[in-house]
Amino acid sequence: MDKKIVYINSIAVALLAVAATLSGLFMKNLYKHDTNSIVSQMMGQDIVTLLVAVPLLLISIYLIHGNSMRGRLIWMGTLFYFTYTYASMSFLASYNQLFLVYVAIFSISMYTLLGELVTTKFTGLKSKFNPGKLTKITASFLIFIALMLSLMWLKLIIDSIITGTAPAALEGYTTLVIQALDLGVLVPFAIISAVLLLKNNEWGYILTSIFLIKATLIGTAILSMIVFMVLNGVYVDPGQIIIFTTMTILGILVAFGFYRKINGELT
């Protein structure tokens, strides 16, 4: 993709995200129609988006200016984070003054990422990776993520169907947005990435790189959400705390190890 488009779209996402997160953290009554639990989660997400995701997005476009392949992959993974995060905000958060901002971030991030995947030539890219034994470790981690998310959310949904009662996670909202995104997008993404990586397919390295950045960012955001929920007196299932903490720590370690094995420039 043309670098001018990369810079313009990325800066637009960064500016809109700064506006959205600062409003979420400091604008009174922005989330007044949401439950205490959801407000805590959104504020926890806002902190991580503002202090981690936005700086990472800006750092990655700086690296892209130097034609860094690591920078390009980190940039795509960060865009995936913004796509997922603001898709959930667009569909889950009760309507507020920033609705169009959420939709704009979601749309710009998604189409910029898709544009990059469609227009960039990745031929010969896998030769610039030297993961060695880390390939199987990374693929195993991706499958672990897919299994954990599937088991956790399917149990929640199936228990609800069997008992005929609404799942606690619904909290008065109309549907399970996060669970739909995880089961419909993240689980297949992780499995496809793992299979292609084990087959030494070019796309396995690309998709895995993108997924690892997204997983690390969203995992960090989830831990921040848990802290905000506890501080606001919201009950959090200890089992979910253990699962998400484990996935986040493993994700950071695997992502760090995987990205260390990337060499060269993206031409």
Protein backbone atom coordinates (compact mmCIF):
# COMPACT_ATOMS: atom_id res chain seq x y z
CA MET A 1 0.00 0.00 0.00
CA ASP A 2 1.17 3.53 -0.75
CA LYS A 3 2.97 4.98 2.27
CA LYS A 4 0.98 8.22 2.09
CA ILE A 5 -2.22 6.24 2.65
CA VAL A 6 -0.55 4.36 5.49
CA TYR A 7 0.44 7.60 7.21
CA ILE A 8 -2.83 9.46 6.64
CA ASN A 9 -5.08 6.61 7.72
CA SER A 10 -2.93 5.68 10.71
CA ILE A 11 -2.77 9.26 11.99
CA ALA A 12 -6.53 9.55 11.52
CA VAL A 13 -7.07 6.40 13.58
CA ALA A 14 -4.65 7.64 16.25
CA LEU A 15 -6.31 11.06 16.56
CA LEU A 16 -9.81 9.62 16.65
CA ALA A 17 -8.75 7.01 19.22
CA VAL A 18 -7.19 9.68 21.44
CA ALA A 19 -10.43 11.66 21.27
CA ALA A 20 -12.53 8.58 22.02
CA THR A 21 -10.41 7.34 24.93
CA LEU A 22 -10.00 10.72 26.60
CA SER A 23 -13.75 11.26 26.32
CA GLY A 24 -14.39 7.83 27.79
CA LEU A 25 -12.06 8.46 30.71
CA PHE A 26 -12.96 12.08 31.52
CA MET A 27 -16.30 12.98 29.93
CA LYS A 28 -19.01 12.65 32.54
CA ASN A 29 -22.09 10.62 31.64
CA LEU A 30 -20.69 9.42 28.29
CA TYR A 31 -21.34 5.82 29.35
CA LYS A 32 -24.41 6.68 31.47
CA HIS A 33 -26.64 4.12 29.71
CA ASP A 34 -24.20 1.23 30.22
CA THR A 35 -23.95 -1.11 33.20
CA ASN A 36 -21.30 -0.68 35.87
CA SER A 37 -19.51 -3.77 34.59
CA ILE A 38 -19.42 -2.62 30.97
CA VAL A 39 -18.37 0.91 31.96
CA SER A 40 -15.47 -0.56 33.96
CA GLN A 41 -14.44 -2.68 30.99
CA MET A 42 -14.63 0.19 28.52
CA MET A 43 -12.58 2.47 30.77
CA GLY A 44 -9.99 -0.27 31.24
CA GLN A 45 -9.84 -0.64 27.47
CA ASP A 46 -9.58 3.14 27.02
CA ILE A 47 -6.48 3.30 29.23
CA VAL A 48 -4.64 0.61 27.27
CA THR A 49 -5.72 2.00 23.90
CA LEU A 50 -4.51 5.47 24.86
CA LEU A 51 -1.25 4.53 26.57
CA VAL A 52 -0.21 1.42 24.63
CA ALA A 53 -2.06 0.92 21.33
CA VAL A 54 -1.91 4.49 20.02
CA PRO A 55 1.84 4.89 20.76
CA LEU A 56 2.51 1.48 19.19
CA LEU A 57 0.60 2.51 16.07
CA LEU A 58 2.67 5.70 15.77
CA ILE A 59 5.94 3.86 16.43
CA SER A 60 5.07 1.29 13.77
CA ILE A 61 4.46 3.92 11.07
CA TYR A 62 7.80 5.48 11.99
CA LEU A 63 9.41 2.07 11.45
CA ILE A 64 7.54 1.70 8.16
CA HIS A 65 9.20 4.93 7.02
CA GLY A 66 12.49 3.04 7.37
CA ASN A 67 11.03 0.11 5.40
CA SER A 68 11.14 -2.17 8.44
CA MET A 69 9.35 -5.46 7.97
CA ARG A 70 8.84 -5.75 11.72
CA GLY A 71 7.29 -2.30 11.70
CA ARG A 72 4.91 -3.22 8.89
CA LEU A 73 3.74 -6.37 10.66
CA ILE A 74 3.36 -4.62 14.03
CA TRP A 75 1.36 -1.92 12.24
CA MET A 76 -1.01 -4.50 10.74
CA GLY A 77 -1.43 -6.23 14.10
CA THR A 78 -2.22 -2.91 15.77
CA LEU A 79 -4.79 -2.10 13.09
CA PHE A 80 -6.40 -5.47 13.80
CA TYR A 81 -6.62 -4.47 17.46
CA PHE A 82 -8.35 -1.19 16.56
CA THR A 83 -10.70 -3.02 14.17
CA TYR A 84 -11.74 -5.51 16.86
CA THR A 85 -11.93 -2.97 19.68
CA TYR A 86 -14.05 -0.42 17.86
CA ALA A 87 -16.24 -3.05 16.23
CA SER A 88 -17.12 -4.11 19.78
CA MET A 89 -17.63 -0.47 20.82
CA SER A 90 -19.83 0.21 17.76
CA PHE A 91 -22.04 -2.82 18.40
CA LEU A 92 -21.93 -3.19 22.20
CA ALA A 93 -21.72 0.24 23.83
CA SER A 94 -25.05 1.95 24.35
CA TYR A 95 -25.55 4.77 21.87
CA ASN A 96 -23.69 7.94 22.85
CA GLN A 97 -22.19 11.10 21.34
CA LEU A 98 -19.13 9.23 20.05
CA PHE A 99 -20.97 6.60 18.00
CA LEU A 100 -19.71 8.00 14.68
CA VAL A 101 -16.17 8.16 16.07
CA TYR A 102 -16.31 4.46 16.99
CA VAL A 103 -17.62 3.56 13.54
CA ALA A 104 -14.96 5.71 11.84
CA ILE A 105 -12.10 4.05 13.74
CA PHE A 106 -13.56 0.61 13.06
CA SER A 107 -14.03 1.30 9.35
CA ILE A 108 -10.71 3.05 8.66
CA SER A 109 -8.75 0.39 10.54
CA MET A 110 -10.51 -2.51 8.84
CA TYR A 111 -10.25 -1.22 5.29
CA THR A 112 -6.66 -0.04 5.74
CA LEU A 113 -5.69 -3.50 7.00
CA LEU A 114 -7.55 -5.22 4.16
CA GLY A 115 -6.00 -2.82 1.65
CA GLU A 116 -2.53 -3.66 2.93
CA LEU A 117 -3.17 -7.41 2.72
CA VAL A 118 -4.53 -7.11 -0.83
CA THR A 119 -1.96 -4.73 -2.31
CA THR A 120 1.32 -5.76 -0.66
CA LYS A 121 3.40 -8.51 -2.28
CA PHE A 122 4.49 -11.01 0.34
CA THR A 123 6.37 -13.36 -2.01
CA GLY A 124 9.57 -14.61 -0.39
CA LEU A 125 8.61 -13.17 2.96
CA LYS A 126 8.93 -16.44 4.86
CA SER A 127 12.63 -16.56 3.94
CA LYS A 128 13.08 -13.53 6.20
CA PHE A 129 11.71 -15.44 9.18
CA ASN A 130 13.94 -17.76 11.15
CA PRO A 131 11.68 -19.04 13.92
CA GLY A 132 13.13 -22.57 14.15
CA LYS A 133 11.53 -24.56 16.97
CA LEU A 134 9.50 -21.47 17.85
CA THR A 135 7.19 -22.30 14.92
CA LYS A 136 5.63 -25.24 16.74
CA ILE A 137 5.51 -23.33 20.02
CA THR A 138 3.75 -20.41 18.35
CA ALA A 139 1.29 -22.66 16.52
CA SER A 140 0.55 -24.47 19.78
CA PHE A 141 -0.11 -21.14 21.48
CA LEU A 142 -2.56 -20.13 18.73
CA ILE A 143 -4.43 -23.42 19.09
CA PHE A 144 -4.42 -22.98 22.88
CA ILE A 145 -6.02 -19.53 22.49
CA ALA A 146 -8.65 -20.93 20.13
CA LEU A 147 -9.48 -23.78 22.52
CA MET A 148 -9.66 -21.59 25.62
CA LEU A 149 -11.94 -19.03 23.99
CA SER A 150 -14.13 -21.75 22.48
CA LEU A 151 -14.50 -23.71 25.71
CA MET A 152 -15.11 -20.63 27.84
CA TRP A 153 -17.73 -19.01 25.61
CA LEU A 154 -19.43 -22.22 24.44
CA LYS A 155 -19.90 -23.29 28.06
CA LEU A 156 -21.50 -19.92 28.81
CA ILE A 157 -23.84 -20.17 25.83
CA ILE A 158 -24.71 -23.88 26.12
CA ASP A 159 -25.44 -23.55 29.86
CA SER A 160 -27.81 -20.71 29.00
CA ILE A 161 -29.59 -22.78 26.34
CA ILE A 162 -29.94 -25.77 28.67
CA THR A 163 -31.25 -23.77 31.63
CA GLY A 164 -33.37 -21.43 29.50
CA THR A 165 -31.97 -18.39 31.29
CA ALA A 166 -30.00 -15.47 29.89
CA PRO A 167 -26.23 -15.76 30.44
CA ALA A 168 -24.82 -13.47 33.13
CA ALA A 169 -22.51 -11.90 30.55
CA LEU A 170 -25.53 -10.50 28.70
CA GLU A 171 -26.10 -7.98 31.52
CA GLY A 172 -29.34 -6.69 30.04
CA TYR A 173 -27.91 -6.09 26.57
CA THR A 174 -29.49 -7.59 23.47
CA THR A 175 -26.77 -10.04 22.43
CA LEU A 176 -23.27 -11.34 23.18
CA VAL A 177 -21.11 -9.12 20.96
CA ILE A 178 -17.69 -10.06 22.36
CA GLN A 179 -18.49 -13.76 22.28
CA ALA A 180 -19.70 -13.45 18.69
CA LEU A 181 -16.50 -11.67 17.64
CA ASP A 182 -14.30 -14.17 19.47
CA LEU A 183 -16.06 -17.30 18.19
CA GLY A 184 -16.70 -15.93 14.70
CA VAL A 185 -13.44 -14.07 14.06
CA LEU A 186 -10.63 -14.77 16.53
CA VAL A 187 -11.02 -18.54 16.91
CA PRO A 188 -11.01 -19.24 13.13
CA PHE A 189 -8.21 -16.69 12.65
CA ALA A 190 -6.05 -18.43 15.25
CA ILE A 191 -6.69 -21.92 13.84
CA ILE A 192 -6.07 -20.88 10.23
CA SER A 193 -2.87 -19.08 11.24
CA ALA A 194 -1.61 -22.11 13.18
CA VAL A 195 -2.32 -24.55 10.34
CA LEU A 196 -0.65 -22.35 7.70
CA LEU A 197 2.33 -21.73 9.99
CA LEU A 198 2.86 -25.46 10.54
CA LYS A 199 2.69 -25.96 6.77
CA ASN A 200 5.41 -23.31 6.34
CA ASN A 201 3.00 -21.31 4.20
CA GLU A 202 3.85 -17.65 3.52
CA TRP A 203 0.48 -16.50 4.85
CA GLY A 204 1.02 -18.42 8.07
CA TYR A 205 3.82 -16.04 9.03
CA ILE A 206 1.81 -12.96 8.06
CA LEU A 207 -1.39 -13.93 9.86
CA THR A 208 0.48 -15.18 12.92
CA SER A 209 2.42 -11.91 13.19
CA ILE A 210 -0.84 -9.94 13.01
CA PHE A 211 -2.62 -12.17 15.51
CA LEU A 212 0.20 -12.06 18.08
CA ILE A 213 0.20 -8.26 18.25
CA LYS A 214 -3.57 -8.12 18.49
CA ALA A 215 -3.67 -10.86 21.14
CA THR A 216 -1.00 -9.12 23.23
CA LEU A 217 -2.78 -5.77 23.10
CA ILE A 218 -6.26 -7.15 23.81
CA GLY A 219 -4.89 -9.37 26.57
CA THR A 220 -3.32 -6.34 28.23
CA ALA A 221 -6.61 -4.48 27.82
CA ILE A 222 -8.52 -7.34 29.44
CA LEU A 223 -6.23 -7.29 32.48
CA SER A 224 -6.83 -3.54 32.71
CA MET A 225 -10.59 -4.17 32.49
CA ILE A 226 -10.36 -6.67 35.34
CA VAL A 227 -8.56 -4.12 37.53
CA PHE A 228 -11.25 -1.49 36.82
CA MET A 229 -14.01 -4.01 37.49
CA VAL A 230 -12.54 -5.03 40.84
CA LEU A 231 -12.04 -1.38 41.83
CA ASN A 232 -15.68 -0.66 40.97
CA GLY A 233 -16.99 -3.60 42.96
CA VAL A 234 -17.86 -5.81 39.99
CA TYR A 235 -17.53 -9.56 40.57
CA VAL A 236 -15.03 -11.25 38.25
CA ASP A 237 -14.89 -15.04 37.92
CA PRO A 238 -11.49 -16.13 39.35
CA GLY A 239 -11.27 -18.79 36.64
CA GLN A 240 -11.53 -16.16 33.91
CA ILE A 241 -8.88 -14.04 35.66
CA ILE A 242 -6.50 -17.01 35.61
CA ILE A 243 -7.29 -17.86 31.99
CA PHE A 244 -6.87 -14.32 30.66
CA THR A 245 -3.75 -13.64 32.75
CA THR A 246 -2.15 -16.85 31.50
CA MET A 247 -3.06 -16.13 27.87
CA THR A 248 -1.72 -12.57 28.11
CA ILE A 249 1.61 -13.52 29.67
CA LEU A 250 2.09 -16.36 27.18
CA GLY A 251 1.08 -14.06 24.33
CA ILE A 252 3.67 -11.44 25.28
CA LEU A 253 6.43 -14.06 25.56
CA VAL A 254 5.53 -15.79 22.28
CA ALA A 255 5.13 -12.49 20.40
CA PHE A 256 8.49 -11.23 21.68
CA GLY A 257 10.22 -14.46 20.69
CA PHE A 258 8.53 -14.65 17.28
CA TYR A 259 9.28 -11.05 16.33
CA ARG A 260 12.93 -11.43 17.37
CA LYS A 261 13.27 -14.01 14.59
CA ILE A 262 12.15 -11.59 11.87
CA ASN A 263 14.97 -10.18 9.79
CA GLY A 264 15.27 -7.88 6.78
CA GLU A 265 13.18 -5.24 5.09
CA LEU A 266 9.83 -5.43 3.35
CA THR A 267 10.25 -4.44 -0.28
